Amino acid sequence: MSRESIANKQHRQKRHQKREALLSSLCVVLQDLDISSLAPRKPDWDLKRDVAKKLERLERRTQKAIAELIWERLKHGNEDNLGAMITMTEHRLADDD
């Protein structure tokens, strides 16, 4: 065999070894890969994140407004309706959760 053919054969063997090493490392990576982590997030996850603070603030304002309405009715002597209002408010809060 000539020197060139020996050099070419050695070069091809080295390339083949490199390919085999790359393929075996790729197989290991693919086996370790958790497919569930590749699943896309829900399409509206960023909207929910952005709106969460506003919803918390709105919920606090709503609770404050309900408390003010109860106090106003108490001032005007509507104690009969107090129990009904408290029960209604508790049911609303339970439904929201």
Protein backbone atom coordinates (compact mmCIF):
# COMPACT_ATOMS: atom_id res chain seq x y z
CA MET A 1 0.00 0.00 0.00
CA SER A 2 1.10 3.49 -0.68
CA ARG A 3 1.62 6.14 1.97
CA GLU A 4 -1.43 8.09 0.80
CA SER A 5 -3.76 5.12 1.02
CA ILE A 6 -2.48 4.31 4.53
CA ALA A 7 -2.94 7.95 5.56
CA ASN A 8 -6.43 8.01 4.05
CA LYS A 9 -7.35 4.80 5.81
CA GLN A 10 -6.12 6.16 9.15
CA HIS A 11 -7.97 9.41 8.55
CA ARG A 12 -11.20 7.53 7.78
CA GLN A 13 -10.77 5.41 10.90
CA LYS A 14 -10.33 8.52 13.05
CA ARG A 15 -13.43 10.12 11.53
CA HIS A 16 -15.39 6.93 12.10
CA GLN A 17 -14.24 6.79 15.72
CA LYS A 18 -15.23 10.43 16.25
CA ARG A 19 -18.67 9.78 14.74
CA GLU A 20 -19.18 6.72 16.93
CA ALA A 21 -18.19 8.69 20.03
CA LEU A 22 -20.54 11.51 19.09
CA LEU A 23 -23.43 9.12 18.41
CA SER A 24 -22.92 7.28 21.69
CA SER A 25 -22.86 10.55 23.66
CA LEU A 26 -25.99 11.68 21.81
CA CYS A 27 -27.77 8.45 22.75
CA VAL A 28 -26.88 9.02 26.40
CA VAL A 29 -28.22 12.57 26.27
CA LEU A 30 -31.45 11.43 24.62
CA GLN A 31 -31.95 8.74 27.25
CA ASP A 32 -31.45 11.25 30.07
CA LEU A 33 -33.76 13.80 28.48
CA ASP A 34 -37.11 14.23 30.25
CA ILE A 35 -39.72 14.71 27.54
CA SER A 36 -42.22 16.23 29.96
CA SER A 37 -39.88 19.19 30.46
CA LEU A 38 -40.14 19.93 26.74
CA ALA A 39 -43.91 20.26 26.86
CA PRO A 40 -44.98 23.82 26.11
CA ARG A 41 -46.59 25.92 28.78
CA LYS A 42 -50.22 26.80 28.53
CA PRO A 43 -50.71 29.59 25.98
CA ASP A 44 -51.99 32.05 28.56
CA TRP A 45 -49.45 31.51 31.36
CA ASP A 46 -47.88 34.95 30.89
CA LEU A 47 -51.27 36.67 30.95
CA LYS A 48 -52.17 34.94 34.21
CA ARG A 49 -48.82 35.97 35.68
CA ASP A 50 -49.29 39.61 34.67
CA VAL A 51 -52.87 39.80 35.89
CA ALA A 52 -52.30 38.04 39.24
CA LYS A 53 -51.17 41.20 41.08
CA LYS A 54 -54.09 43.19 39.75
CA LEU A 55 -56.52 40.47 40.78
CA GLU A 56 -55.08 40.41 44.30
CA ARG A 57 -55.52 44.17 44.59
CA LEU A 58 -59.06 43.92 43.21
CA GLU A 59 -59.90 41.16 45.71
CA ARG A 60 -58.72 43.36 48.61
CA ARG A 61 -60.78 46.28 47.33
CA THR A 62 -63.82 44.03 46.95
CA GLN A 63 -63.51 42.77 50.51
CA LYS A 64 -63.12 46.34 51.76
CA ALA A 65 -66.23 47.43 49.84
CA ILE A 66 -68.25 44.53 51.26
CA ALA A 67 -67.15 45.45 54.78
CA GLU A 68 -68.14 49.10 54.20
CA LEU A 69 -71.58 48.06 52.96
CA ILE A 70 -72.10 45.93 56.03
CA TRP A 71 -71.09 48.83 58.30
CA GLU A 72 -73.42 51.20 56.47
CA ARG A 73 -76.36 48.84 56.87
CA LEU A 74 -75.54 48.38 60.54
CA LYS A 75 -75.55 52.15 61.03
CA HIS A 76 -79.01 52.39 59.52
CA GLY A 77 -80.44 49.70 61.79
CA ASN A 78 -80.74 46.81 59.37
CA GLU A 79 -79.46 44.25 61.88
CA ASP A 80 -82.00 41.71 60.61
CA ASN A 81 -80.15 41.50 57.31
CA LEU A 82 -76.71 41.23 58.94
CA GLY A 83 -76.85 37.45 59.30
CA ALA A 84 -77.96 37.02 55.71
CA MET A 85 -75.22 39.32 54.44
CA ILE A 86 -72.51 37.51 56.40
CA THR A 87 -73.73 34.13 55.18
CA MET A 88 -73.89 35.37 51.60
CA THR A 89 -70.36 36.80 51.83
CA GLU A 90 -69.00 33.54 53.25
CA HIS A 91 -70.62 31.55 50.46
CA ARG A 92 -69.18 33.90 47.85
CA LEU A 93 -65.70 33.54 49.29
CA ALA A 94 -66.02 29.75 49.39
CA ASP A 95 -67.19 29.68 45.75
CA ASP A 96 -64.27 31.84 44.63
CA ASP A 97 -61.73 29.44 46.14
